[in-house]
Amino acid sequence: MENGQKGDSRLVLVLSNKKDAYYTVTSRACSCPAATYNPGKSCKHSRKYFPQPKKSGVELEGRGRSDHRGE
């Protein structure tokens, strides 16, 4: 664990589809081209090996909406 943060400290090696390279995947980054071209978004490798918890319906419902009910 880095800097006292909670998290997964695993490293996964993933063989590319063309079988000519390995990508290193951690909970924070991936070395694949998709991760390089789309910074800030998780690639399919990150989503597969380090899935994020699903947001509950209550959390999703409250996002971006105010709680005013016609008062």
PDB file of N, CA and C in Angstrom:
ATOM      1  N   MET A   1       0.844  -1.178   0.000  1.00  0.00           N
ATOM      2  CA  MET A   1       0.000   0.000   0.000  1.00  0.00           C
ATOM      3  C   MET A   1       0.886   1.237   0.000  1.00  0.00           C
ATOM      4  N   GLU A   2       0.514   2.198  -0.817  1.00  0.00           N
ATOM      5  CA  GLU A   2       1.335   3.376  -0.978  1.00  0.00           C
ATOM      6  C   GLU A   2       0.821   4.529  -0.141  1.00  0.00           C
ATOM      7  N   ASN A   3       1.743   5.225   0.521  1.00  0.00           N
ATOM      8  CA  ASN A   3       1.432   6.441   1.270  1.00  0.00           C
ATOM      9  C   ASN A   3       0.303   6.250   2.275  1.00  0.00           C
ATOM     10  N   GLY A   4       0.176   5.053   2.836  1.00  0.00           N
ATOM     11  CA  GLY A   4      -0.838   4.816   3.846  1.00  0.00           C
ATOM     12  C   GLY A   4      -2.254   4.747   3.300  1.00  0.00           C
ATOM     13  N   GLN A   5      -2.412   4.721   1.977  1.00  0.00           N
ATOM     14  CA  GLN A   5      -3.749   4.656   1.396  1.00  0.00           C
ATOM     15  C   GLN A   5      -4.195   3.204   1.343  1.00  0.00           C
ATOM     16  N   LYS A   6      -5.487   2.980   1.539  1.00  0.00           N
ATOM     17  CA  LYS A   6      -6.035   1.639   1.407  1.00  0.00           C
ATOM     18  C   LYS A   6      -6.167   1.331  -0.070  1.00  0.00           C
ATOM     19  N   GLY A   7      -5.899   0.093  -0.438  1.00  0.00           N
ATOM     20  CA  GLY A   7      -6.048  -0.264  -1.836  1.00  0.00           C
ATOM     21  C   GLY A   7      -5.436  -1.620  -2.115  1.00  0.00           C
ATOM     22  N   ASP A   8      -5.561  -2.036  -3.343  1.00  0.00           N
ATOM     23  CA  ASP A   8      -5.048  -3.318  -3.780  1.00  0.00           C
ATOM     24  C   ASP A   8      -3.620  -3.121  -4.262  1.00  0.00           C
ATOM     25  N   SER A   9      -2.676  -3.868  -3.716  1.00  0.00           N
ATOM     26  CA  SER A   9      -1.278  -3.688  -4.087  1.00  0.00           C
ATOM     27  C   SER A   9      -0.808  -4.757  -5.080  1.00  0.00           C
ATOM     28  N   ARG A  10      -1.743  -5.456  -5.711  1.00  0.00           N
ATOM     29  CA  ARG A  10      -1.371  -6.484  -6.682  1.00  0.00           C
ATOM     30  C   ARG A  10      -0.896  -5.870  -7.991  1.00  0.00           C
ATOM     31  N   LEU A  11      -0.098  -6.650  -8.739  1.00  0.00           N
ATOM     32  CA  LEU A  11       0.295  -6.311 -10.095  1.00  0.00           C
ATOM     33  C   LEU A  11      -0.060  -7.517 -10.953  1.00  0.00           C
ATOM     34  N   VAL A  12      -0.757  -7.287 -12.056  1.00  0.00           N
ATOM     35  CA  VAL A  12      -1.186  -8.379 -12.930  1.00  0.00           C
ATOM     36  C   VAL A  12      -0.520  -8.184 -14.286  1.00  0.00           C
ATOM     37  N   LEU A  13       0.032  -9.264 -14.850  1.00  0.00           N
ATOM     38  CA  LEU A  13       0.565  -9.231 -16.208  1.00  0.00           C
ATOM     39  C   LEU A  13      -0.484  -9.818 -17.141  1.00  0.00           C
ATOM     40  N   VAL A  14      -0.818  -9.073 -18.205  1.00  0.00           N
ATOM     41  CA  VAL A  14      -1.848  -9.500 -19.141  1.00  0.00           C
ATOM     42  C   VAL A  14      -1.220  -9.618 -20.524  1.00  0.00           C
ATOM     43  N   LEU A  15      -1.365 -10.773 -21.159  1.00  0.00           N
ATOM     44  CA  LEU A  15      -0.849 -10.990 -22.500  1.00  0.00           C
ATOM     45  C   LEU A  15      -1.765 -10.308 -23.507  1.00  0.00           C
ATOM     46  N   SER A  16      -1.182  -9.561 -24.437  1.00  0.00           N
ATOM     47  CA  SER A  16      -1.980  -8.856 -25.442  1.00  0.00           C
ATOM     48  C   SER A  16      -2.676  -9.856 -26.367  1.00  0.00           C
ATOM     49  N   ASN A  17      -3.712  -9.392 -27.052  1.00  0.00           N
ATOM     50  CA  ASN A  17      -4.444 -10.266 -27.973  1.00  0.00           C
ATOM     51  C   ASN A  17      -3.549 -10.782 -29.094  1.00  0.00           C
ATOM     52  N   LYS A  18      -2.601  -9.962 -29.548  1.00  0.00           N
ATOM     53  CA  LYS A  18      -1.674 -10.384 -30.598  1.00  0.00           C
ATOM     54  C   LYS A  18      -0.567 -11.280 -30.047  1.00  0.00           C
ATOM     55  N   LYS A  19      -0.533 -11.425 -28.734  1.00  0.00           N
ATOM     56  CA  LYS A  19       0.443 -12.271 -28.043  1.00  0.00           C
ATOM     57  C   LYS A  19       1.886 -11.839 -28.311  1.00  0.00           C
ATOM     58  N   ASP A  20       2.077 -10.538 -28.463  1.00  0.00           N
ATOM     59  CA  ASP A  20       3.429 -10.034 -28.705  1.00  0.00           C
ATOM     60  C   ASP A  20       3.930  -9.128 -27.576  1.00  0.00           C
ATOM     61  N   ALA A  21       3.102  -8.921 -26.553  1.00  0.00           N
ATOM     62  CA  ALA A  21       3.507  -8.051 -25.448  1.00  0.00           C
ATOM     63  C   ALA A  21       2.685  -8.385 -24.211  1.00  0.00           C
ATOM     64  N   TYR A  22       3.223  -8.014 -23.068  1.00  0.00           N
ATOM     65  CA  TYR A  22       2.492  -8.101 -21.808  1.00  0.00           C
ATOM     66  C   TYR A  22       2.219  -6.692 -21.313  1.00  0.00           C
ATOM     67  N   TYR A  23       1.061  -6.490 -20.714  1.00  0.00           N
ATOM     68  CA  TYR A  23       0.721  -5.210 -20.096  1.00  0.00           C
ATOM     69  C   TYR A  23       0.759  -5.390 -18.586  1.00  0.00           C
ATOM     70  N   THR A  24       1.282  -4.404 -17.887  1.00  0.00           N
ATOM     71  CA  THR A  24       1.262  -4.429 -16.424  1.00  0.00           C
ATOM     72  C   THR A  24       0.030  -3.660 -15.969  1.00  0.00           C
ATOM     73  N   VAL A  25      -0.755  -4.299 -15.122  1.00  0.00           N
ATOM     74  CA  VAL A  25      -2.006  -3.705 -14.662  1.00  0.00           C
ATOM     75  C   VAL A  25      -1.990  -3.666 -13.136  1.00  0.00           C
ATOM     76  N   THR A  26      -2.258  -2.497 -12.581  1.00  0.00           N
ATOM     77  CA  THR A  26      -2.430  -2.347 -11.140  1.00  0.00           C
ATOM     78  C   THR A  26      -3.787  -1.699 -10.906  1.00  0.00           C
ATOM     79  N   SER A  27      -4.145  -1.504  -9.658  1.00  0.00           N
ATOM     80  CA  SER A  27      -5.433  -0.870  -9.360  1.00  0.00           C
ATOM     81  C   SER A  27      -5.444   0.591  -9.795  1.00  0.00           C
ATOM     82  N   ARG A  28      -4.281   1.169 -10.047  1.00  0.00           N
ATOM     83  CA  ARG A  28      -4.191   2.588 -10.401  1.00  0.00           C
ATOM     84  C   ARG A  28      -3.848   2.861 -11.859  1.00  0.00           C
ATOM     85  N   ALA A  29      -3.229   1.887 -12.571  1.00  0.00           N
ATOM     86  CA  ALA A  29      -2.771   2.163 -13.933  1.00  0.00           C
ATOM     87  C   ALA A  29      -2.628   0.876 -14.734  1.00  0.00           C
ATOM     88  N   CYS A  30      -2.554   1.057 -16.058  1.00  0.00           N
ATOM     89  CA  CYS A  30      -2.314  -0.047 -16.982  1.00  0.00           C
ATOM     90  C   CYS A  30      -1.363   0.473 -18.061  1.00  0.00           C
ATOM     91  N   SER A  31      -0.512  -0.402 -18.581  1.00  0.00           N
ATOM     92  CA  SER A  31       0.450   0.018 -19.595  1.00  0.00           C
ATOM     93  C   SER A  31      -0.053  -0.209 -21.018  1.00  0.00           C
ATOM     94  N   CYS A  32      -1.309  -0.586 -21.192  1.00  0.00           N
ATOM     95  CA  CYS A  32      -1.843  -0.839 -22.536  1.00  0.00           C
ATOM     96  C   CYS A  32      -2.057   0.465 -23.300  1.00  0.00           C
ATOM     97  N   PRO A  33      -2.135   0.387 -24.640  1.00  0.00           N
ATOM     98  CA  PRO A  33      -2.349   1.598 -25.442  1.00  0.00           C
ATOM     99  C   PRO A  33      -3.648   2.334 -25.113  1.00  0.00           C
ATOM    100  N   ALA A  34      -4.710   1.600 -24.799  1.00  0.00           N
ATOM    101  CA  ALA A  34      -5.992   2.257 -24.490  1.00  0.00           C
ATOM    102  C   ALA A  34      -5.864   3.165 -23.270  1.00  0.00           C
ATOM    103  N   ALA A  35      -5.151   2.689 -22.257  1.00  0.00           N
ATOM    104  CA  ALA A  35      -4.954   3.505 -21.054  1.00  0.00           C
ATOM    105  C   ALA A  35      -4.088   4.723 -21.363  1.00  0.00           C
ATOM    106  N   THR A  36      -3.134   4.566 -22.272  1.00  0.00           N
ATOM    107  CA  THR A  36      -2.256   5.675 -22.660  1.00  0.00           C
ATOM    108  C   THR A  36      -3.027   6.732 -23.437  1.00  0.00           C
ATOM    109  N   TYR A  37      -3.897   6.308 -24.358  1.00  0.00           N
ATOM    110  CA  TYR A  37      -4.644   7.242 -25.200  1.00  0.00           C
ATOM    111  C   TYR A  37      -5.843   7.867 -24.497  1.00  0.00           C
ATOM    112  N   ASN A  38      -6.301   7.269 -23.410  1.00  0.00           N
ATOM    113  CA  ASN A  38      -7.470   7.772 -22.683  1.00  0.00           C
ATOM    114  C   ASN A  38      -7.148   7.968 -21.204  1.00  0.00           C
ATOM    115  N   PRO A  39      -6.291   8.925 -20.887  1.00  0.00           N
ATOM    116  CA  PRO A  39      -5.928   9.124 -19.476  1.00  0.00           C
ATOM    117  C   PRO A  39      -7.148   9.498 -18.635  1.00  0.00           C
ATOM    118  N   GLY A  40      -7.183   8.981 -17.432  1.00  0.00           N
ATOM    119  CA  GLY A  40      -8.303   9.274 -16.539  1.00  0.00           C
ATOM    120  C   GLY A  40      -9.444   8.280 -16.645  1.00  0.00           C
ATOM    121  N   LYS A  41      -9.463   7.467 -17.700  1.00  0.00           N
ATOM    122  CA  LYS A  41     -10.489   6.434 -17.855  1.00  0.00           C
ATOM    123  C   LYS A  41      -9.838   5.082 -17.626  1.00  0.00           C
ATOM    124  N   SER A  42     -10.595   4.163 -17.049  1.00  0.00           N
ATOM    125  CA  SER A  42     -10.021   2.833 -16.834  1.00  0.00           C
ATOM    126  C   SER A  42     -10.225   1.992 -18.094  1.00  0.00           C
ATOM    127  N   CYS A  43      -9.186   1.246 -18.465  1.00  0.00           N
ATOM    128  CA  CYS A  43      -9.250   0.375 -19.642  1.00  0.00           C
ATOM    129  C   CYS A  43      -9.928  -0.941 -19.272  1.00  0.00           C
ATOM    130  N   LYS A  44     -10.124  -1.801 -20.255  1.00  0.00           N
ATOM    131  CA  LYS A  44     -10.810  -3.069 -20.010  1.00  0.00           C
ATOM    132  C   LYS A  44     -10.018  -3.971 -19.059  1.00  0.00           C
ATOM    133  N   HIS A  45      -8.693  -3.843 -19.072  1.00  0.00           N
ATOM    134  CA  HIS A  45      -7.879  -4.658 -18.168  1.00  0.00           C
ATOM    135  C   HIS A  45      -8.082  -4.222 -16.722  1.00  0.00           C
ATOM    136  N   SER A  46      -8.075  -2.920 -16.498  1.00  0.00           N
ATOM    137  CA  SER A  46      -8.297  -2.395 -15.146  1.00  0.00           C
ATOM    138  C   SER A  46      -9.679  -2.773 -14.643  1.00  0.00           C
ATOM    139  N   ARG A  47     -10.684  -2.663 -15.506  1.00  0.00           N
ATOM    140  CA  ARG A  47     -12.056  -3.009 -15.105  1.00  0.00           C
ATOM    141  C   ARG A  47     -12.198  -4.500 -14.814  1.00  0.00           C
ATOM    142  N   LYS A  48     -11.479  -5.338 -15.560  1.00  0.00           N
ATOM    143  CA  LYS A  48     -11.593  -6.784 -15.365  1.00  0.00           C
ATOM    144  C   LYS A  48     -10.902  -7.242 -14.083  1.00  0.00           C
ATOM    145  N   TYR A  49      -9.673  -6.799 -13.859  1.00  0.00           N
ATOM    146  CA  TYR A  49      -8.894  -7.304 -12.735  1.00  0.00           C
ATOM    147  C   TYR A  49      -9.050  -6.494 -11.455  1.00  0.00           C
ATOM    148  N   PHE A  50      -9.531  -5.258 -11.572  1.00  0.00           N
ATOM    149  CA  PHE A  50      -9.719  -4.400 -10.400  1.00  0.00           C
ATOM    150  C   PHE A  50     -11.075  -3.708 -10.501  1.00  0.00           C
ATOM    151  N   PRO A  51     -12.179  -4.480 -10.443  1.00  0.00           N
ATOM    152  CA  PRO A  51     -13.509  -3.876 -10.594  1.00  0.00           C
ATOM    153  C   PRO A  51     -13.814  -2.896  -9.469  1.00  0.00           C
ATOM    154  N   GLN A  52     -14.476  -1.821  -9.829  1.00  0.00           N
ATOM    155  CA  GLN A  52     -14.895  -0.817  -8.861  1.00  0.00           C
ATOM    156  C   GLN A  52     -16.268  -1.195  -8.329  1.00  0.00           C
ATOM    157  N   PRO A  53     -16.543  -0.892  -7.066  1.00  0.00           N
ATOM    158  CA  PRO A  53     -17.876  -1.207  -6.524  1.00  0.00           C
ATOM    159  C   PRO A  53     -18.954  -0.418  -7.266  1.00  0.00           C
ATOM    160  N   LYS A  54     -20.063  -1.070  -7.478  1.00  0.00           N
ATOM    161  CA  LYS A  54     -21.192  -0.415  -8.151  1.00  0.00           C
ATOM    162  C   LYS A  54     -21.793   0.633  -7.239  1.00  0.00           C
ATOM    163  N   LYS A  55     -22.260   1.742  -7.829  1.00  0.00           N
ATOM    164  CA  LYS A  55     -22.945   2.772  -7.058  1.00  0.00           C
ATOM    165  C   LYS A  55     -24.377   2.307  -6.827  1.00  0.00           C
ATOM    166  N   SER A  56     -24.891   2.575  -5.647  1.00  0.00           N
ATOM    167  CA  SER A  56     -26.259   2.183  -5.344  1.00  0.00           C
ATOM    168  C   SER A  56     -27.234   3.122  -6.052  1.00  0.00           C
ATOM    169  N   GLY A  57     -28.474   2.707  -6.187  1.00  0.00           N
ATOM    170  CA  GLY A  57     -29.488   3.530  -6.837  1.00  0.00           C
ATOM    171  C   GLY A  57     -29.708   4.839  -6.107  1.00  0.00           C
ATOM    172  N   VAL A  58     -29.582   4.841  -4.790  1.00  0.00           N
ATOM    173  CA  VAL A  58     -29.757   6.053  -3.999  1.00  0.00           C
ATOM    174  C   VAL A  58     -28.647   7.051  -4.325  1.00  0.00           C
ATOM    175  N   GLU A  59     -27.401   6.573  -4.433  1.00  0.00           N
ATOM    176  CA  GLU A  59     -26.284   7.457  -4.767  1.00  0.00           C
ATOM    177  C   GLU A  59     -26.454   8.041  -6.153  1.00  0.00           C
ATOM    178  N   LEU A  60     -26.854   7.203  -7.128  1.00  0.00           N
ATOM    179  CA  LEU A  60     -27.023   7.677  -8.497  1.00  0.00           C
ATOM    180  C   LEU A  60     -28.182   8.662  -8.605  1.00  0.00           C
ATOM    181  N   GLU A  61     -29.272   8.398  -7.867  1.00  0.00           N
ATOM    182  CA  GLU A  61     -30.451   9.253  -7.921  1.00  0.00           C
ATOM    183  C   GLU A  61     -30.138  10.650  -7.390  1.00  0.00           C
ATOM    184  N   GLY A  62     -29.306  10.730  -6.368  1.00  0.00           N
ATOM    185  CA  GLY A  62     -28.992  12.004  -5.740  1.00  0.00           C
ATOM    186  C   GLY A  62     -27.985  12.839  -6.497  1.00  0.00           C
ATOM    187  N   ARG A  63     -27.294  12.277  -7.468  1.00  0.00           N
ATOM    188  CA  ARG A  63     -26.273  13.022  -8.192  1.00  0.00           C
ATOM    189  C   ARG A  63     -26.909  14.043  -9.136  1.00  0.00           C
ATOM    190  N   GLY A  64     -26.476  15.282  -9.011  1.00  0.00           N
ATOM    191  CA  GLY A  64     -26.875  16.306  -9.959  1.00  0.00           C
ATOM    192  C   GLY A  64     -28.287  16.828  -9.803  1.00  0.00           C
ATOM    193  N   ARG A  65     -28.987  16.393  -8.782  1.00  0.00           N
ATOM    194  CA  ARG A  65     -30.354  16.872  -8.574  1.00  0.00           C
ATOM    195  C   ARG A  65     -30.453  17.516  -7.220  1.00  0.00           C
ATOM    196  N   SER A  66     -31.221  18.576  -7.166  1.00  0.00           N
ATOM    197  CA  SER A  66     -31.445  19.205  -5.854  1.00  0.00           C
ATOM    198  C   SER A  66     -32.608  18.516  -5.170  1.00  0.00           C
ATOM    199  N   ASP A  67     -32.729  18.716  -3.886  1.00  0.00           N
ATOM    200  CA  ASP A  67     -33.751  18.033  -3.116  1.00  0.00           C
ATOM    201  C   ASP A  67     -34.971  18.921  -2.900  1.00  0.00           C
ATOM    202  N   HIS A  68     -35.191  19.877  -3.809  1.00  0.00           N
ATOM    203  CA  HIS A  68     -36.367  20.744  -3.704  1.00  0.00           C
ATOM    204  C   HIS A  68     -37.572  20.032  -4.308  1.00  0.00           C
ATOM    205  N   ARG A  69     -38.658  20.002  -3.550  1.00  0.00           N
ATOM    206  CA  ARG A  69     -39.847  19.282  -4.004  1.00  0.00           C
ATOM    207  C   ARG A  69     -41.032  20.230  -4.136  1.00  0.00           C
ATOM    208  N   GLY A  70     -40.834  21.282  -4.885  1.00  0.00           N
ATOM    209  CA  GLY A  70     -41.926  22.204  -5.161  1.00  0.00           C
ATOM    210  C   GLY A  70     -42.325  23.071  -3.998  1.00  0.00           C
ATOM    211  N   GLU A  71     -41.447  23.272  -3.035  1.00  0.00           N
ATOM    212  CA  GLU A  71     -41.790  24.104  -1.878  1.00  0.00           C
ATOM    213  C   GLU A  71     -41.576  25.535  -2.166  1.00  0.00           C
TER     214      GLU A  71
END
